[in-house]
Each structure stands twice: as structure tokens, then as C-alpha cells.
Protein backbone atom coordinates (compact mmCIF):
# COMPACT_ATOMS: atom_id res chain seq x y z
CA MET A 1 74.52 85.08 76.21
CA VAL A 2 75.15 87.67 73.45
CA SER A 3 73.97 91.20 74.76
CA GLY A 4 76.46 93.66 74.46
CA PHE A 5 76.83 94.27 77.76
CA ILE A 6 80.33 94.05 78.20
CA SER A 7 81.92 95.58 75.25
CA ARG A 8 85.44 95.77 77.21
CA VAL A 9 87.31 95.46 79.54
CA ARG A 10 85.57 97.01 82.77
CA GLN A 11 86.11 96.91 86.65
CA LEU A 12 82.51 95.98 87.00
CA THR A 13 82.37 92.60 84.94
CA ALA A 14 79.37 90.31 83.64
CA PRO A 15 79.34 87.89 86.74
CA ALA A 16 79.83 90.29 89.05
CA PHE A 17 76.39 92.49 87.82
CA TYR A 18 74.89 89.27 87.80
CA HIS A 19 75.66 88.19 91.05
CA VAL A 20 74.11 91.92 92.72
CA CYS A 21 71.41 91.40 90.65
CA THR A 22 70.41 87.84 91.10
CA VAL A 23 72.43 86.26 94.34
CA PHE A 24 72.71 89.16 96.32
CA MET A 25 69.43 90.56 98.97
CA GLY A 26 71.01 93.29 100.99
CA GLY A 27 68.15 92.88 103.35
CA HIS A 28 66.44 93.58 100.66
CA SER A 29 64.36 91.76 97.45
CA PHE A 30 65.19 95.52 95.91
CA PRO A 31 68.82 96.43 96.77
CA THR A 32 69.66 99.80 97.08
CA LEU A 33 72.80 101.10 95.24
CA ASP A 34 74.41 101.68 98.50
CA GLN A 35 73.33 98.56 99.16
CA MET A 36 75.25 96.79 95.80
CA ARG A 37 77.75 98.90 95.98
CA GLY A 38 78.75 97.24 99.58
CA GLU A 39 78.15 93.67 98.07
CA LEU A 40 80.88 94.57 95.16
CA LEU A 41 83.18 95.74 97.06
CA CYS A 42 83.61 92.97 99.21
CA GLN A 43 84.45 91.32 95.88
CA GLY A 44 87.12 94.33 95.24
CA ILE A 45 85.10 96.17 93.15
CA ARG A 46 84.98 99.70 93.97
CA LEU A 47 82.36 102.16 91.83
CA SER A 48 80.98 105.58 92.58
CA ARG A 49 76.82 105.45 92.96
CA SER A 50 76.18 107.30 89.58
CA SER A 51 78.58 104.70 87.58
CA LEU A 52 76.73 101.93 88.95
CA HIS A 53 73.42 103.53 88.22
CA GLU A 54 74.56 103.75 84.49
CA ARG A 55 75.12 100.37 84.52
CA PHE A 56 71.86 99.80 84.74
CA SER A 57 70.77 100.43 80.95
CA GLN A 58 68.95 98.70 78.17
CA LYS A 59 71.84 96.41 77.28
CA ALA A 60 72.14 95.11 80.71
CA SER A 61 68.65 94.46 81.32
CA ALA A 62 68.92 92.34 77.72
CA PHE A 63 72.04 90.73 78.96
CA MET A 64 69.67 89.64 82.60
CA LYS A 65 67.20 88.77 79.79
CA SER A 66 69.39 86.37 78.29
CA ALA A 67 70.49 85.05 81.39
CA PHE A 68 66.98 84.30 82.87
CA LEU A 69 66.02 82.28 79.47
CA GLU A 70 68.99 80.22 79.55
CA ALA A 71 68.22 79.32 83.07
CA LEU A 72 65.02 78.66 82.18
CA SER A 73 65.65 76.73 79.13
CA SER A 74 68.41 74.50 81.59
CA LEU A 75 65.87 73.94 84.49
CA GLY A 76 63.92 70.88 83.71
CA GLY A 77 63.38 67.74 84.88
CA GLY A 78 61.48 64.74 83.34
CA CYS A 79 58.13 63.92 85.00
CA ARG A 80 58.11 61.42 87.39
CA LYS A 81 54.92 59.26 86.53
CA GLY A 82 54.38 56.10 88.56
CA HIS A 83 54.02 56.06 92.47
CA GLY A 84 50.40 56.25 92.23
CA LEU A 85 50.12 60.13 91.19
CA GLY A 86 47.98 58.53 88.63
CA ALA A 87 47.62 58.37 84.49
CA PHE A 88 48.53 62.09 83.46
CA SER A 89 52.34 62.57 82.31
CA ASP A 90 52.02 65.86 83.66
CA VAL A 91 49.81 68.71 85.10
CA VAL A 92 50.66 72.02 83.82
CA ILE A 93 48.78 74.78 85.57
CA ALA A 94 48.54 78.17 83.60
CA ASP A 95 47.98 81.72 85.50
CA SER A 96 49.70 84.85 85.96
CA THR A 97 50.18 87.39 88.71
CA VAL A 98 50.40 91.29 88.41
CA ILE A 99 53.25 93.51 90.29
CA ASN A 100 52.44 97.58 90.84
CA LEU A 101 55.46 99.57 90.16
CA SER A 102 56.77 102.94 90.80
CA GLY A 103 55.72 106.04 87.97
CA LYS A 104 59.02 105.60 86.55
CA CYS A 105 58.62 102.73 84.73
CA SER A 106 55.24 103.44 83.40
CA GLY A 107 56.91 103.92 79.67
CA SER A 108 58.27 100.65 79.80
CA PHE A 109 55.54 98.87 81.92
CA LYS A 110 51.76 99.88 81.57
CA GLY A 111 49.17 100.16 83.99
CA PHE A 112 45.86 100.13 84.22
CA GLY A 113 45.91 103.27 85.58
CA GLY A 114 42.57 105.00 87.20
CA GLY A 115 42.01 103.36 90.18
CA ALA A 116 45.00 101.26 90.01
CA SER A 117 48.15 101.80 89.30
CA SER A 118 50.00 103.52 86.49
CA SER A 119 52.79 101.41 86.19
CA ALA A 120 52.52 97.51 86.61
CA ALA A 121 54.51 94.55 85.46
CA LYS A 122 52.67 91.16 84.68
CA VAL A 123 54.36 87.34 85.43
CA MET A 124 52.91 84.49 83.47
CA LEU A 125 53.88 81.22 84.34
CA CYS A 126 53.23 77.49 83.05
CA PHE A 127 54.28 75.50 85.90
CA GLY A 128 54.39 71.06 85.42
CA LEU A 129 53.13 70.02 89.24
CA LEU A 130 54.54 66.69 88.72
CA SER A 131 57.64 67.32 86.84
CA SER A 132 58.15 70.45 89.30
CA ARG A 133 58.79 72.05 85.75
CA VAL A 134 58.34 75.31 84.74
CA HIS A 135 57.34 75.01 81.17
CA ARG A 136 57.05 78.71 80.16
CA MET A 137 57.66 82.42 82.25
CA GLU A 138 57.82 85.95 80.55
CA LEU A 139 57.74 89.10 82.36
CA LEU A 140 55.26 91.51 80.29
CA ASP A 141 53.17 94.80 80.72
CA GLY A 142 50.86 94.53 83.44
CA THR A 143 47.82 95.74 80.68
CA ALA A 144 48.73 92.17 78.54
CA SER A 145 46.42 90.23 78.48
CA ASP A 146 46.49 86.44 79.37
CA ALA A 147 43.94 85.82 75.89
CA GLY A 148 47.07 86.44 73.76
CA THR A 149 49.32 83.47 75.61
CA ARG A 150 49.37 80.38 73.05
CA PHE A 151 50.20 77.06 74.93
CA SER A 152 53.60 75.55 72.84
CA GLY A 153 55.29 72.38 73.19
CA ILE A 154 52.35 70.43 74.59
CA LYS A 155 53.41 67.38 76.49
CA ALA A 156 50.60 64.59 75.19
CA GLY A 157 48.74 62.82 78.00
CA ALA A 158 49.35 65.63 80.86
CA LEU A 159 46.41 67.67 82.11
CA TYR A 160 46.24 71.03 81.49
CA LEU A 161 44.25 73.72 84.14
CA PHE A 162 43.41 77.13 83.31
CA ASP A 163 40.88 80.26 83.97
CA LEU A 164 39.21 82.27 81.58
CA GLY A 165 42.20 84.44 81.17
CA PHE A 166 43.55 81.63 78.64
CA PHE A 167 40.09 80.50 76.87
CA CYS A 168 40.47 80.71 73.60
CA ALA A 169 39.77 78.52 70.27
CA ALA A 170 43.40 78.67 69.35
CA ASN A 171 44.55 76.91 72.62
CA LEU A 172 41.68 74.47 73.16
CA CYS A 173 42.83 73.00 69.85
CA CYS A 174 45.99 73.49 70.58
CA ILE A 175 45.54 70.98 73.58
CA CYS A 176 43.36 68.82 72.34
CA ASN A 177 45.70 68.10 69.14
CA GLY A 178 48.65 67.86 70.73
CA GLY A 179 46.73 64.58 72.79
CA ALA A 180 46.55 66.33 75.81
CA PHE A 181 43.67 66.79 78.65
CA LEU A 182 42.08 69.95 79.53
CA VAL A 183 39.41 71.25 82.45
CA CYS A 184 39.00 74.71 82.09
CA ARG A 185 36.05 77.67 82.84
CA TYR A 186 33.63 78.16 80.05
CA LYS A 187 33.26 81.62 79.04
CA TYR A 188 29.79 82.89 78.91
CA GLY A 189 28.56 83.27 75.23
CA THR A 190 31.20 80.97 73.43
CA THR A 191 29.62 79.03 70.53
CA LEU A 192 28.72 75.26 71.15
CA PHE A 193 26.99 72.97 69.20
CA ARG A 194 25.22 69.84 70.01
CA PRO A 195 27.03 66.15 69.03
CA CYS A 196 24.63 66.43 65.36
CA GLY A 197 26.53 69.73 64.23
CA ARG A 198 23.50 72.14 65.28
CA LYS A 199 24.52 75.29 67.12
CA VAL A 200 22.69 75.75 70.62
CA GLY A 201 20.58 78.28 71.14
CA ALA A 202 21.38 82.08 72.82
CA GLY A 203 18.60 80.74 75.61
CA VAL A 204 19.58 77.08 75.84
CA LEU A 205 22.11 77.77 79.04
CA ASP A 206 20.22 80.49 80.88
CA ARG A 207 16.97 78.15 81.08
CA LEU A 208 19.36 75.50 81.87
CA VAL A 209 21.06 77.20 84.91
CA ARG A 210 17.35 79.04 86.15
CA ARG A 211 15.73 74.92 86.87
CA MET A 212 18.80 73.60 88.32
CA ARG A 213 19.05 73.64 91.51
CA PRO A 214 21.46 74.34 94.60
CA GLY A 215 24.29 71.41 94.81
CA GLN A 216 22.53 69.87 91.46
CA THR A 217 25.40 69.27 88.98
CA MET A 218 24.87 68.45 85.13
CA GLU A 219 26.52 67.44 82.13
CA LEU A 220 25.86 68.52 78.83
CA GLU A 221 28.02 66.54 75.53
CA VAL A 222 29.15 69.44 73.15
CA LEU A 223 31.01 70.60 70.51
CA VAL A 224 33.53 73.75 70.53
CA VAL A 225 35.37 75.57 68.17
CA LYS A 226 33.65 76.59 65.20
CA ASP A 227 36.21 75.08 62.28
CA SER A 228 36.99 72.43 64.11
CA LYS A 229 34.19 71.09 66.04
CA ILE A 230 35.91 69.66 68.97
CA PRO A 231 33.86 66.92 70.76
CA MET A 232 34.02 68.14 74.48
CA ARG A 233 31.61 67.43 77.89
CA LEU A 234 30.28 71.03 79.21
CA VAL A 235 29.64 70.03 82.98
CA LEU A 236 27.38 72.75 85.25
CA HIS A 237 27.43 73.26 89.04
CA LYS A 238 24.70 75.15 90.92
CA LEU A 239 26.16 77.48 93.36
CA PRO A 240 24.20 78.25 96.58
CA LEU A 241 22.23 81.41 96.22
CA HIS A 242 24.79 83.72 98.57
CA VAL A 243 27.81 82.66 96.52
CA GLY A 244 26.15 83.38 93.26
CA GLU A 245 25.05 87.14 94.92
CA ARG A 246 28.66 87.33 96.13
CA ILE A 247 30.18 86.80 92.43
CA ARG A 248 27.70 89.26 90.88
CA ARG A 249 28.46 91.93 93.19
CA LYS A 250 32.46 91.45 92.70
CA MET A 251 31.88 91.43 89.13
CA LYS A 252 29.96 94.42 88.99
CA THR A 253 32.74 96.40 91.07
CA ASP A 254 35.62 95.11 89.40
CA LYS A 255 38.07 97.77 87.91
CA GLN A 256 40.40 95.58 86.50
CA MET A 257 37.85 94.12 84.39
CA LYS A 258 35.16 96.91 84.01
CA CYS A 259 32.40 95.04 83.52
CA LYS A 260 29.86 97.44 82.24
CA GLY A 261 26.37 96.84 80.63
CA LEU A 262 25.79 93.18 81.57
CA SER A 263 23.41 91.07 79.97
CA ALA A 264 20.97 89.48 82.38
CA GLY A 265 22.23 86.28 81.20
CA ARG A 266 25.42 87.13 82.05
CA LEU A 267 24.76 88.28 85.90
CA ALA A 268 22.32 84.83 85.68
CA PHE A 269 24.83 82.69 84.97
CA CYS A 270 27.15 83.77 88.41
CA ASP A 271 24.83 80.79 89.93
CA VAL A 272 27.10 78.08 88.16
CA ASN A 273 30.53 77.29 88.12
CA ALA A 274 30.49 76.08 84.42
CA TYR A 275 33.80 73.59 82.87
CA LEU A 276 34.69 72.36 79.39
CA THR A 277 36.93 69.13 79.53
CA ASN A 278 37.74 66.47 77.00
CA ILE A 279 38.07 63.85 79.53
CA ALA A 280 36.03 61.31 79.08
CA ALA A 281 32.84 60.59 81.70
CA ASP A 282 34.54 56.95 83.01
CA THR A 283 38.03 58.49 83.93
CA ILE A 284 36.38 61.78 85.97
CA LYS A 285 32.95 61.80 86.80
CA ALA A 286 30.95 65.53 86.58
CA GLN A 287 30.11 65.43 90.45
CA ASP A 288 34.43 65.55 90.70
CA LEU A 289 35.32 67.71 87.96
CA ARG A 290 35.35 70.22 90.25
CA ALA A 291 37.40 68.97 92.85
CA VAL A 292 40.19 68.59 89.58
CA TYR A 293 40.29 71.72 88.71
CA ALA A 294 40.35 72.93 92.36
CA ILE A 295 43.98 72.12 91.74
CA ARG A 296 44.59 75.28 90.12
CA TRP A 297 44.25 76.74 93.18
CA GLN A 298 48.18 75.64 93.69
CA VAL A 299 49.48 78.42 91.38
CA GLU A 300 48.07 81.12 93.66
CA LEU A 301 49.61 79.57 96.77
CA LEU A 302 53.08 79.80 94.21
CA PHE A 303 52.24 83.14 93.63
CA LYS A 304 51.55 83.91 97.22
CA SER A 305 54.85 82.01 97.98
CA TRP A 306 56.75 84.17 95.60
CA LYS A 307 55.29 87.31 97.22
CA SER A 308 55.56 86.29 100.86
CA GLY A 309 58.33 84.78 100.99
CA MET A 310 60.51 86.10 98.29
CA GLU A 311 59.38 89.64 98.78
CA VAL A 312 59.11 90.01 94.63
CA ASP A 313 56.79 92.51 95.02
CA GLN A 314 58.35 94.64 97.26
CA VAL A 315 59.68 96.97 94.79
CA ARG A 316 61.10 100.42 95.48
CA ASN A 317 60.98 103.58 93.63
CA ILE A 318 63.33 102.94 90.88
CA GLY A 319 63.23 102.83 87.06
CA PRO A 320 62.69 100.85 84.32
CA HIS A 321 66.07 99.43 83.68
CA MET A 322 66.85 98.77 87.06
CA PHE A 323 63.61 96.69 87.87
CA ALA A 324 64.58 94.81 85.09
CA CYS A 325 67.57 93.86 85.67
CA LEU A 326 67.14 93.02 89.42
CA MET A 327 63.17 90.92 88.43
CA TYR A 328 65.00 89.20 86.14
CA GLY A 329 67.35 88.52 89.04
CA ARG A 330 64.38 87.92 91.17
CA LEU A 331 62.78 85.44 88.91
CA ILE A 332 66.19 83.01 88.40
CA ARG A 333 66.01 83.25 92.23
CA VAL A 334 62.51 82.42 92.11
CA LEU A 335 62.92 79.31 89.04
CA LEU A 336 65.69 77.66 91.02
CA CYS A 337 63.41 77.80 94.31
CA THR A 338 60.59 76.96 92.85
CA TRP A 339 62.18 73.62 90.83
CA ILE A 340 63.58 72.57 94.60
CA ALA A 341 60.66 73.19 96.24
CA GLY A 342 58.56 71.23 93.41
CA ARG A 343 60.85 67.76 93.79
CA ALA A 344 60.78 68.07 97.42
CA LYS A 345 56.98 68.29 97.54
CA LEU A 346 56.48 65.50 95.21
CA VAL A 347 59.22 63.17 96.83
CA LEU A 348 57.98 63.81 100.45
CA TRP A 349 54.49 63.44 99.31
CA GLU A 350 55.41 60.08 97.29
CA TYR A 351 57.73 58.29 100.66
CA LYS A 352 56.35 60.00 103.50
CA SER A 353 52.70 61.25 102.50
CA MET A 354 53.75 64.86 103.36
CA GLU A 355 52.46 67.99 101.96
CA ILE A 356 54.76 70.93 102.67
CA SER A 357 54.00 74.57 102.73
CA ASP A 358 54.97 76.18 99.73
CA ILE A 359 55.74 79.65 102.00
CA LYS A 360 57.76 78.38 104.49
CA ALA A 361 59.85 76.24 101.48
CA MET A 362 60.36 79.53 99.32
CA ALA A 363 61.45 81.61 102.21
CA THR A 364 63.57 79.08 103.70
CA LEU A 365 65.13 78.36 99.85
CA ASN A 366 65.39 82.34 99.26
CA ARG A 367 67.46 82.43 102.99
CA LEU A 368 69.86 79.48 101.53
CA ILE A 369 70.01 80.90 97.85
CA GLY A 370 73.84 82.17 98.23
CA ARG A 371 74.67 78.13 99.17
CA ILE A 372 72.82 77.15 96.74
CA MET A 373 74.10 78.39 94.05
CA GLU A 374 77.90 77.63 95.31
CA TRP A 375 76.89 74.05 95.89
CA ILE A 376 75.64 73.99 92.50
CA ARG A 377 78.77 75.17 90.87
CA GLY A 378 80.45 72.69 92.78
CA LYS A 379 82.33 75.39 95.10
CA THR A 380 80.40 73.80 97.97
CA LYS A 381 82.28 71.68 100.24
CA ALA A 382 80.71 68.39 100.94
CA ASN A 383 78.23 68.80 98.62
CA ALA A 384 76.09 65.77 99.84
CA LYS A 385 75.98 67.09 103.53
CA PHE A 386 74.90 69.97 102.62
CA LEU A 387 71.68 68.66 99.86
CA GLN A 388 70.67 66.35 103.30
CA GLN A 389 70.90 69.57 105.52
CA VAL A 390 68.69 71.37 102.91
CA TRP A 391 66.55 68.36 102.39
CA THR A 392 66.18 67.85 106.64
CA THR A 393 65.26 71.63 106.86
CA LEU A 394 62.77 71.21 104.24
CA SER A 395 60.96 68.17 106.13
CA GLU A 396 60.99 68.89 109.65
CA THR A 397 60.15 72.94 109.65
CA CYS A 398 57.80 73.09 106.19
CA ALA A 399 55.50 70.52 107.39
CA LYS A 400 52.11 71.59 105.99
CA GLU A 401 48.95 70.91 108.61
CA PRO A 402 46.51 69.29 106.81
CA LYS A 403 42.94 70.90 106.99
CA ALA A 404 40.02 68.44 108.42
CA GLY A 405 38.18 66.86 105.12
CA CYS A 406 40.16 68.85 102.74
CA LEU A 407 42.23 66.90 99.99
CA ALA A 408 45.63 66.98 99.20
CA PRO A 409 46.90 67.84 95.59
CA TRP A 410 48.12 64.66 94.88
CA GLU A 411 44.99 63.00 97.11
CA THR A 412 42.90 64.84 94.62
CA ILE A 413 45.16 63.46 91.24
CA ASN A 414 45.25 59.89 93.27
CA TRP A 415 41.58 59.41 93.07
CA ASN A 416 40.17 60.67 89.63
CA ALA A 417 43.27 59.46 87.72
């Protein structure tokens, strides 16, 4: 890692700085200067508040970013195909979450302003559910658009699930041309073509939606992307009337979407869930597609576990460089805990049919992060015994209570793949 952070011999070394930014918590996800000084003092490093504060510079944030990227590239792992997990080589879920910051960071991390925060950061994530691998993670401005994210390194045979934020022609082409599968929401107004190549009229879908009954599912063979004409299935599922009304109210009042001047057709389209997929009808039926897309909710639970179990959104009133250093440290910790929790979830389901809670697992691993990193570096005695302790803790204290009538994500994969 070459960032120019340490250019000469100093009392505060790069490993010590990495430690206080990544492993040390000090009773808070974002420790204070005094808490960090106390931790450094335990390592024989004495610094004043002003000296430590000066270390949080642009070079320091570049150093922590390079450490994060190195951790991201090293924490991989082969997919565990088999054991009844279906035909997909992986299930890759893409989404992002926003963290509100203090006004001190507005110059480096722009917020939405108005009724929202003046400064915010966005964490963009592509996570492999079957491989427990973080394919991609980035720290961006809060105002950065998901639509600007392009999928890369497509894994053949994998299933990609994403919402409207990532819906664009480039991503659809990239996934299909890479030999992978996708299920995503259909963005109203996107040009569609009939199998014969003729353009679908603007009012055709509007008329279909009006004629459908609540609970009815309809499927159409279409071509998408004007230049490539990729064959896909458009699946429409009519929602109950009260659900459509709730979606309309939310759309009209959403501050971030700033939906103004909505057409009558767009408002009427709230009555249906519309999905696009390149999966053949004999593999997943139209009425089952909604359950498959619902697996995407696992990434929302993952974000919730980051915030509830690891407090990555509990940011104090700090400047942009200190936030970047500490946030990259939190993300390194998140990467490691997510990887361990993901592998544990998969293995426990395969061999014990047990589903563990993301929030409980992440909170448990977060408390053990220091010992886990010592174990990784080989500094913990009786490594196998410690690993068994972690395994036993996760299996006995983090079990998730099943909901009556609801399939676990693994059951949905097994049933439909």
C-alpha cells in the first residue's frame, strides 16, 4: 500500500494508526480523540490531541482507503455450489445505503439538502449470497446515483437481483452477455419491443394494468435495449387496491425522489409489481418470480445489521478526513464480519437447516473483532479452539425464529432453481 501517509520515522506508526481506525472501538463505533489517545498509550505511543488530530489528513484517508481495497480483494472465496442450493453459481444482490453526516463533511460528502441532511455518504454494495463474497463495495457521496454504477466481472451462471436504482441498458446487456441471469424491477417508460421487433405502444401496458384483477399475474415476451434487442420476460402482478394507494402516496411525498408532475399512467402503474428476467419460463414460473425477487431483501437486512449491530451510522460531529479514515476502518471490519457471518449462515443451513439472524451475528462478531484479527494473524493460541468457540456462539445464540408461512431465502432458491 503506497499512499505517502508515513514518509519518515514517526512515533505513530502505520499499523498503530490502522489499529485505532479499524479494530479499536472505545465504546463507540466512531471513537473520540481522547479514546484513541488512550488506546495508543496502551501501546506505548504518547500523542497530544492536536498531534493526533493532525494525523487525520488526506494522505491518511488515502492510506485507509488502500487498506480497505486490499481487504476487499483478499476476502473472496469460491462459491459453494451444491448441497441443494440450486443451479445458480451465485446469487448477487446489489443495493446501497445512505449514512447522514454532520455539516463539517459537506465539502467532501454532499447531502441532499432541504429536509434531508446537508452531508451524507453512500455505501454501494454487490454481495454474493451463496459465495459469502463482497464482489464490490464503494464509499461515495450521498447524492451519487445508483444508475451510474456498472456491473463488472460478471460471473457466468449467477443470478443478479437489483432494484430500479441499478436499472439501465448497460447493466442489462452486461449481465446477459456475460452468461448470467437477472431479475429486476421494470422501470416505467422503458422502451419495449415485441418479439417481431415492433415497438410496444406507450399505452399498451397502461391498458393491461387497468384490465388486470388484484392478484392476477400476466407474462409478456418482450425485447429490451434498443440496439441489442435482448429477449426477456415481463411479468406483471396486480396488487391489492390499498397497497397501490399506499405506494402512490409514498411516491408523491418522497423527498429524495422529488417526484413532481407524475403522469396518470405512472401513478396507475403503482397498482402492479413489474419484473424483467431472462430466466426461462420452464425454470421459474411467472407466479414464482415475485418470491425469487424477494431474496433481494437480504441485502436490506444486511444493511440493518451494519447499523444496528455495528453502529456504522452513529457518526459523531467530525471532519471529512477523520470520517473517511474511521469509515474505511468500519468497512474493513464490516467486510470481515459479513464474510464470516455469510459462511456461517450458509453452512448452518446446509447441515442443520438453521437460519441465523444477520443482526445478532454481526453484533456478536463485532464484539469479537479484535480476537478475530489476532486469530487471522496467527497470534491467538489454540486457533482451532477459538474458531470452534466462534462457531458455537453463532449457532447457539444467533438462531433466527422462522416466520409461519414464510420461506427462508435458501428454501426459495431450492424451490425455484
